[in-house]
Amino acid sequence: MNFGPQQMGKWLIVAGVIIVLLGALMLLLGRIGLFKLPGDLEFGSKNWRVYIPIASCILLSILLTLIMWLINFFRR
């Protein structure tokens, strides 16, 4: 397989588009309140803040598992 500068450039463009789409999805999900669930921990003081989205990660994991299961089920 020839992996020259053009091929590397194409992969970088695809990676950039994926990162932009994931960022837009994160902004959209944040606006509808996904990352403010009761199990999400947020603490800190005036100069620092720590945010641990436990409940949001569990919910996203369940949703992605169901989506992947459905894709696998219908591909058979």
C-alpha atoms as a PDB file:
ATOM      1  CA  MET A   1       0.000   0.000   0.000  1.00  0.00           C
ATOM      2  CA  ASN A   2       1.372   3.385  -1.013  1.00  0.00           C
ATOM      3  CA  PHE A   3       1.172   5.737   1.954  1.00  0.00           C
ATOM      4  CA  GLY A   4       2.394   9.039   0.555  1.00  0.00           C
ATOM      5  CA  PRO A   5       1.715  12.645   1.466  1.00  0.00           C
ATOM      6  CA  GLN A   6      -1.611  12.703  -0.417  1.00  0.00           C
ATOM      7  CA  GLN A   7      -2.909   9.687   1.483  1.00  0.00           C
ATOM      8  CA  MET A   8      -1.774  11.177   4.791  1.00  0.00           C
ATOM      9  CA  GLY A   9      -3.505  14.458   3.911  1.00  0.00           C
ATOM     10  CA  LYS A  10      -6.773  12.654   3.172  1.00  0.00           C
ATOM     11  CA  TRP A  11      -6.639  10.852   6.516  1.00  0.00           C
ATOM     12  CA  LEU A  12      -5.956  14.112   8.353  1.00  0.00           C
ATOM     13  CA  ILE A  13      -8.933  15.780   6.651  1.00  0.00           C
ATOM     14  CA  VAL A  14     -11.208  12.871   7.589  1.00  0.00           C
ATOM     15  CA  ALA A  15      -9.931  12.949  11.191  1.00  0.00           C
ATOM     16  CA  GLY A  16     -10.541  16.710  11.358  1.00  0.00           C
ATOM     17  CA  VAL A  17     -14.098  16.374  10.071  1.00  0.00           C
ATOM     18  CA  ILE A  18     -14.805  13.640  12.619  1.00  0.00           C
ATOM     19  CA  ILE A  19     -13.424  15.801  15.445  1.00  0.00           C
ATOM     20  CA  VAL A  20     -15.560  18.773  14.328  1.00  0.00           C
ATOM     21  CA  LEU A  21     -18.685  16.596  14.183  1.00  0.00           C
ATOM     22  CA  LEU A  22     -17.996  15.155  17.639  1.00  0.00           C
ATOM     23  CA  GLY A  23     -17.473  18.666  19.014  1.00  0.00           C
ATOM     24  CA  ALA A  24     -20.757  19.867  17.526  1.00  0.00           C
ATOM     25  CA  LEU A  25     -22.522  16.819  18.964  1.00  0.00           C
ATOM     26  CA  MET A  26     -21.065  17.530  22.412  1.00  0.00           C
ATOM     27  CA  LEU A  27     -22.281  21.147  22.235  1.00  0.00           C
ATOM     28  CA  LEU A  28     -25.756  20.026  21.172  1.00  0.00           C
ATOM     29  CA  LEU A  29     -25.998  17.370  23.889  1.00  0.00           C
ATOM     30  CA  GLY A  30     -24.788  19.876  26.479  1.00  0.00           C
ATOM     31  CA  ARG A  31     -27.496  22.338  25.488  1.00  0.00           C
ATOM     32  CA  ILE A  32     -30.258  19.775  25.968  1.00  0.00           C
ATOM     33  CA  GLY A  33     -28.933  18.963  29.446  1.00  0.00           C
ATOM     34  CA  LEU A  34     -27.182  15.633  28.977  1.00  0.00           C
ATOM     35  CA  PHE A  35     -24.111  16.620  30.981  1.00  0.00           C
ATOM     36  CA  LYS A  36     -26.099  17.931  33.953  1.00  0.00           C
ATOM     37  CA  LEU A  37     -27.631  14.661  35.123  1.00  0.00           C
ATOM     38  CA  PRO A  38     -27.992  13.934  38.867  1.00  0.00           C
ATOM     39  CA  GLY A  39     -25.091  11.437  38.876  1.00  0.00           C
ATOM     40  CA  ASP A  40     -22.617  13.866  37.319  1.00  0.00           C
ATOM     41  CA  LEU A  41     -20.180  15.205  39.885  1.00  0.00           C
ATOM     42  CA  GLU A  42     -18.986  18.796  39.794  1.00  0.00           C
ATOM     43  CA  PHE A  43     -16.954  20.425  42.515  1.00  0.00           C
ATOM     44  CA  GLY A  44     -14.304  23.064  42.944  1.00  0.00           C
ATOM     45  CA  SER A  45     -13.699  26.545  44.238  1.00  0.00           C
ATOM     46  CA  LYS A  46     -13.250  30.038  42.844  1.00  0.00           C
ATOM     47  CA  ASN A  47     -10.140  29.254  40.777  1.00  0.00           C
ATOM     48  CA  TRP A  48     -10.609  25.606  39.772  1.00  0.00           C
ATOM     49  CA  ARG A  49     -13.346  23.173  38.861  1.00  0.00           C
ATOM     50  CA  VAL A  50     -13.482  19.389  38.429  1.00  0.00           C
ATOM     51  CA  TYR A  51     -16.295  17.778  36.443  1.00  0.00           C
ATOM     52  CA  ILE A  52     -16.807  13.989  36.407  1.00  0.00           C
ATOM     53  CA  PRO A  53     -19.772  12.979  34.176  1.00  0.00           C
ATOM     54  CA  ILE A  54     -20.460   9.494  35.604  1.00  0.00           C
ATOM     55  CA  ALA A  55     -24.194   9.299  34.820  1.00  0.00           C
ATOM     56  CA  SER A  56     -23.751  10.845  31.358  1.00  0.00           C
ATOM     57  CA  CYS A  57     -21.043   8.309  30.479  1.00  0.00           C
ATOM     58  CA  ILE A  58     -23.229   5.413  31.594  1.00  0.00           C
ATOM     59  CA  LEU A  59     -26.187   6.717  29.585  1.00  0.00           C
ATOM     60  CA  LEU A  60     -24.055   7.235  26.459  1.00  0.00           C
ATOM     61  CA  SER A  61     -22.562   3.766  26.869  1.00  0.00           C
ATOM     62  CA  ILE A  62     -25.995   2.159  27.046  1.00  0.00           C
ATOM     63  CA  LEU A  63     -27.231   4.093  24.007  1.00  0.00           C
ATOM     64  CA  LEU A  64     -24.158   3.279  21.925  1.00  0.00           C
ATOM     65  CA  THR A  65     -24.358  -0.387  22.951  1.00  0.00           C
ATOM     66  CA  LEU A  66     -27.986  -0.554  21.829  1.00  0.00           C
ATOM     67  CA  ILE A  67     -27.176   1.157  18.525  1.00  0.00           C
ATOM     68  CA  MET A  68     -24.272  -1.195  17.832  1.00  0.00           C
ATOM     69  CA  TRP A  69     -26.391  -4.201  18.796  1.00  0.00           C
ATOM     70  CA  LEU A  70     -29.140  -3.115  16.374  1.00  0.00           C
ATOM     71  CA  ILE A  71     -26.628  -2.563  13.566  1.00  0.00           C
ATOM     72  CA  ASN A  72     -25.130  -6.008  14.183  1.00  0.00           C
ATOM     73  CA  PHE A  73     -28.604  -7.601  14.381  1.00  0.00           C
ATOM     74  CA  PHE A  74     -29.755  -6.184  11.032  1.00  0.00           C
ATOM     75  CA  ARG A  75     -26.461  -6.957   9.241  1.00  0.00           C
ATOM     76  CA  ARG A  76     -26.962 -10.712   9.724  1.00  0.00           C
END
